[in-house]
Amino acid sequence: MPEAVYLLGAFTSFLCAVLLLRGYAAGKRKLLLWSGLCFAGLGISNGITFIDLILLPQVDLYSYRLAATAISIALLLYGLIWTSQ
């Protein structure tokens, strides 16, 4: 059952990223771009979580998961600050 939760989390994040980036392509709103990039990174992080905990439990990928999440949140934070000016 945890496998399904990890995969659904990754799928949902990637779906949100696609929808946000598609909205950016249609309307050219910068916040949609940064939000889409953030969700793409969170989808990568969720994918790494699945690989780490389900496929390769003997390999520790925690630092990679943490780095992907930190970069994703940093992109969103940068976008929020940049678009507020």
N, C-alpha and C. Protein backbone atom coordinates (compact mmCIF):
# COMPACT_ATOMS: atom_id res chain seq x y z
N MET A 1 0.80 -1.21 0.00
CA MET A 1 0.00 0.00 0.00
C MET A 1 0.85 1.27 0.00
N PRO A 2 1.97 1.32 0.71
CA PRO A 2 2.79 2.55 0.65
C PRO A 2 3.29 2.83 -0.77
N GLU A 3 3.48 1.78 -1.56
CA GLU A 3 3.94 1.98 -2.94
C GLU A 3 2.96 2.85 -3.71
N ALA A 4 1.67 2.55 -3.54
CA ALA A 4 0.64 3.30 -4.24
C ALA A 4 0.61 4.76 -3.79
N VAL A 5 0.81 4.98 -2.51
CA VAL A 5 0.79 6.35 -1.99
C VAL A 5 1.96 7.15 -2.56
N TYR A 6 3.15 6.57 -2.60
CA TYR A 6 4.31 7.28 -3.16
C TYR A 6 4.12 7.56 -4.64
N LEU A 7 3.62 6.58 -5.38
CA LEU A 7 3.41 6.78 -6.81
C LEU A 7 2.31 7.80 -7.08
N LEU A 8 1.23 7.74 -6.32
CA LEU A 8 0.16 8.73 -6.50
C LEU A 8 0.62 10.14 -6.14
N GLY A 9 1.45 10.26 -5.13
CA GLY A 9 2.00 11.58 -4.78
C GLY A 9 2.86 12.14 -5.90
N ALA A 10 3.71 11.29 -6.49
CA ALA A 10 4.55 11.73 -7.60
C ALA A 10 3.70 12.08 -8.81
N PHE A 11 2.72 11.23 -9.12
CA PHE A 11 1.85 11.49 -10.27
C PHE A 11 1.07 12.79 -10.09
N THR A 12 0.54 13.01 -8.91
CA THR A 12 -0.23 14.22 -8.64
C THR A 12 0.64 15.46 -8.76
N SER A 13 1.85 15.39 -8.24
CA SER A 13 2.76 16.54 -8.34
C SER A 13 3.10 16.85 -9.79
N PHE A 14 3.38 15.80 -10.58
CA PHE A 14 3.70 16.03 -11.99
C PHE A 14 2.48 16.55 -12.75
N LEU A 15 1.30 16.06 -12.42
CA LEU A 15 0.09 16.55 -13.07
C LEU A 15 -0.14 18.03 -12.75
N CYS A 16 0.06 18.41 -11.51
CA CYS A 16 -0.06 19.83 -11.13
C CYS A 16 0.97 20.66 -11.88
N ALA A 17 2.19 20.14 -12.00
CA ALA A 17 3.24 20.87 -12.73
C ALA A 17 2.85 21.07 -14.18
N VAL A 18 2.33 20.04 -14.82
CA VAL A 18 1.92 20.15 -16.22
C VAL A 18 0.81 21.18 -16.37
N LEU A 19 -0.18 21.13 -15.50
CA LEU A 19 -1.29 22.09 -15.60
C LEU A 19 -0.82 23.52 -15.35
N LEU A 20 0.05 23.71 -14.37
CA LEU A 20 0.56 25.06 -14.09
C LEU A 20 1.41 25.58 -15.23
N LEU A 21 2.26 24.75 -15.78
CA LEU A 21 3.12 25.18 -16.89
C LEU A 21 2.30 25.42 -18.16
N ARG A 22 1.25 24.65 -18.35
CA ARG A 22 0.36 24.89 -19.48
C ARG A 22 -0.37 26.22 -19.31
N GLY A 23 -0.77 26.53 -18.09
CA GLY A 23 -1.38 27.82 -17.81
C GLY A 23 -0.41 28.96 -18.04
N TYR A 24 0.86 28.73 -17.71
CA TYR A 24 1.88 29.76 -17.95
C TYR A 24 2.05 29.99 -19.45
N ALA A 25 2.06 28.90 -20.22
CA ALA A 25 2.22 29.04 -21.67
C ALA A 25 1.06 29.81 -22.29
N ALA A 26 -0.12 29.68 -21.73
CA ALA A 26 -1.28 30.38 -22.27
C ALA A 26 -1.35 31.84 -21.83
N GLY A 27 -0.96 32.12 -20.59
CA GLY A 27 -1.16 33.47 -20.08
C GLY A 27 0.08 34.25 -19.74
N LYS A 28 1.25 33.60 -19.75
CA LYS A 28 2.53 34.26 -19.45
C LYS A 28 2.56 34.93 -18.08
N ARG A 29 1.94 34.31 -17.09
CA ARG A 29 2.01 34.80 -15.71
C ARG A 29 3.21 34.14 -15.04
N LYS A 30 4.12 34.94 -14.54
CA LYS A 30 5.38 34.42 -13.98
C LYS A 30 5.16 33.50 -12.78
N LEU A 31 4.16 33.79 -11.96
CA LEU A 31 3.92 32.97 -10.78
C LEU A 31 3.53 31.54 -11.17
N LEU A 32 2.83 31.38 -12.29
CA LEU A 32 2.50 30.05 -12.76
C LEU A 32 3.75 29.28 -13.16
N LEU A 33 4.72 29.97 -13.74
CA LEU A 33 5.98 29.33 -14.11
C LEU A 33 6.70 28.81 -12.87
N TRP A 34 6.86 29.66 -11.87
CA TRP A 34 7.61 29.26 -10.68
C TRP A 34 6.87 28.19 -9.90
N SER A 35 5.55 28.27 -9.87
CA SER A 35 4.77 27.23 -9.19
C SER A 35 4.88 25.90 -9.93
N GLY A 36 4.84 25.95 -11.26
CA GLY A 36 4.98 24.74 -12.05
C GLY A 36 6.34 24.08 -11.87
N LEU A 37 7.39 24.90 -11.83
CA LEU A 37 8.73 24.36 -11.60
C LEU A 37 8.85 23.76 -10.20
N CYS A 38 8.21 24.40 -9.22
CA CYS A 38 8.22 23.87 -7.86
C CYS A 38 7.55 22.51 -7.82
N PHE A 39 6.39 22.38 -8.42
CA PHE A 39 5.68 21.11 -8.40
C PHE A 39 6.42 20.04 -9.19
N ALA A 40 7.11 20.42 -10.25
CA ALA A 40 7.92 19.45 -10.98
C ALA A 40 9.04 18.92 -10.08
N GLY A 41 9.67 19.81 -9.34
CA GLY A 41 10.71 19.38 -8.40
C GLY A 41 10.16 18.53 -7.28
N LEU A 42 8.97 18.86 -6.80
CA LEU A 42 8.35 18.04 -5.76
C LEU A 42 7.97 16.66 -6.31
N GLY A 43 7.60 16.60 -7.57
CA GLY A 43 7.33 15.31 -8.20
C GLY A 43 8.60 14.48 -8.30
N ILE A 44 9.70 15.12 -8.62
CA ILE A 44 10.99 14.43 -8.65
C ILE A 44 11.34 13.92 -7.25
N SER A 45 11.12 14.75 -6.26
CA SER A 45 11.38 14.35 -4.88
C SER A 45 10.52 13.14 -4.48
N ASN A 46 9.25 13.16 -4.86
CA ASN A 46 8.39 12.01 -4.57
C ASN A 46 8.83 10.77 -5.32
N GLY A 47 9.31 10.95 -6.54
CA GLY A 47 9.84 9.81 -7.30
C GLY A 47 11.07 9.23 -6.64
N ILE A 48 11.94 10.09 -6.15
CA ILE A 48 13.13 9.63 -5.44
C ILE A 48 12.73 8.92 -4.15
N THR A 49 11.68 9.40 -3.50
CA THR A 49 11.18 8.73 -2.29
C THR A 49 10.75 7.30 -2.61
N PHE A 50 10.03 7.12 -3.71
CA PHE A 50 9.60 5.79 -4.12
C PHE A 50 10.81 4.89 -4.39
N ILE A 51 11.78 5.43 -5.11
CA ILE A 51 12.98 4.65 -5.42
C ILE A 51 13.73 4.30 -4.14
N ASP A 52 13.85 5.29 -3.25
CA ASP A 52 14.61 5.10 -2.01
C ASP A 52 13.96 4.07 -1.08
N LEU A 53 12.68 4.19 -0.86
CA LEU A 53 12.04 3.35 0.15
C LEU A 53 11.49 2.03 -0.39
N ILE A 54 11.15 1.97 -1.68
CA ILE A 54 10.53 0.77 -2.21
C ILE A 54 11.49 -0.02 -3.10
N LEU A 55 12.07 0.62 -4.10
CA LEU A 55 12.89 -0.11 -5.06
C LEU A 55 14.29 -0.44 -4.54
N LEU A 56 14.91 0.51 -3.87
CA LEU A 56 16.29 0.32 -3.38
C LEU A 56 16.38 0.63 -1.89
N PRO A 57 15.79 -0.21 -1.05
CA PRO A 57 15.81 0.12 0.38
C PRO A 57 17.20 0.04 1.01
N GLN A 58 18.13 -0.62 0.35
CA GLN A 58 19.47 -0.74 0.91
C GLN A 58 20.33 0.49 0.62
N VAL A 59 19.86 1.37 -0.28
CA VAL A 59 20.60 2.58 -0.64
C VAL A 59 19.91 3.77 0.02
N ASP A 60 20.71 4.65 0.64
CA ASP A 60 20.16 5.82 1.31
C ASP A 60 20.17 7.01 0.36
N LEU A 61 18.99 7.44 -0.08
CA LEU A 61 18.85 8.58 -0.97
C LEU A 61 18.22 9.78 -0.28
N TYR A 62 18.29 9.79 1.04
CA TYR A 62 17.64 10.86 1.80
C TYR A 62 18.18 12.23 1.42
N SER A 63 19.48 12.36 1.27
CA SER A 63 20.06 13.67 0.96
C SER A 63 19.61 14.15 -0.42
N TYR A 64 19.43 13.24 -1.37
CA TYR A 64 18.94 13.62 -2.69
C TYR A 64 17.47 14.07 -2.63
N ARG A 65 16.68 13.35 -1.84
CA ARG A 65 15.28 13.75 -1.65
C ARG A 65 15.21 15.13 -1.03
N LEU A 66 16.01 15.35 -0.01
CA LEU A 66 16.02 16.63 0.68
C LEU A 66 16.49 17.75 -0.23
N ALA A 67 17.51 17.48 -1.05
CA ALA A 67 18.02 18.50 -1.97
C ALA A 67 16.97 18.86 -3.03
N ALA A 68 16.28 17.86 -3.57
CA ALA A 68 15.25 18.12 -4.58
C ALA A 68 14.12 18.96 -3.98
N THR A 69 13.73 18.65 -2.77
CA THR A 69 12.67 19.41 -2.11
C THR A 69 13.12 20.83 -1.80
N ALA A 70 14.33 20.99 -1.33
CA ALA A 70 14.85 22.33 -1.00
C ALA A 70 14.95 23.20 -2.24
N ILE A 71 15.42 22.64 -3.34
CA ILE A 71 15.52 23.40 -4.58
C ILE A 71 14.14 23.80 -5.07
N SER A 72 13.19 22.89 -4.95
CA SER A 72 11.82 23.17 -5.38
C SER A 72 11.21 24.32 -4.59
N ILE A 73 11.35 24.27 -3.29
CA ILE A 73 10.81 25.32 -2.44
C ILE A 73 11.54 26.64 -2.66
N ALA A 74 12.85 26.57 -2.92
CA ALA A 74 13.62 27.78 -3.21
C ALA A 74 13.14 28.43 -4.51
N LEU A 75 12.81 27.61 -5.51
CA LEU A 75 12.27 28.16 -6.76
C LEU A 75 10.95 28.88 -6.52
N LEU A 76 10.09 28.27 -5.75
CA LEU A 76 8.81 28.91 -5.46
C LEU A 76 9.01 30.19 -4.64
N LEU A 77 9.87 30.15 -3.67
CA LEU A 77 10.15 31.34 -2.87
C LEU A 77 10.72 32.46 -3.71
N TYR A 78 11.65 32.13 -4.60
CA TYR A 78 12.22 33.12 -5.50
C TYR A 78 11.12 33.72 -6.38
N GLY A 79 10.26 32.86 -6.92
CA GLY A 79 9.16 33.35 -7.76
C GLY A 79 8.21 34.24 -7.01
N LEU A 80 7.91 33.91 -5.77
CA LEU A 80 7.01 34.74 -4.97
C LEU A 80 7.63 36.11 -4.68
N ILE A 81 8.91 36.12 -4.38
CA ILE A 81 9.58 37.39 -4.10
C ILE A 81 9.73 38.20 -5.37
N TRP A 82 10.10 37.56 -6.46
CA TRP A 82 10.35 38.25 -7.72
C TRP A 82 9.07 38.84 -8.30
N THR A 83 7.95 38.11 -8.21
CA THR A 83 6.71 38.62 -8.79
C THR A 83 6.05 39.67 -7.90
N SER A 84 6.43 39.77 -6.65
CA SER A 84 5.82 40.77 -5.78
C SER A 84 6.41 42.15 -5.99
N GLN A 85 7.54 42.22 -6.66
CA GLN A 85 8.19 43.53 -6.88
C GLN A 85 7.60 44.25 -8.06
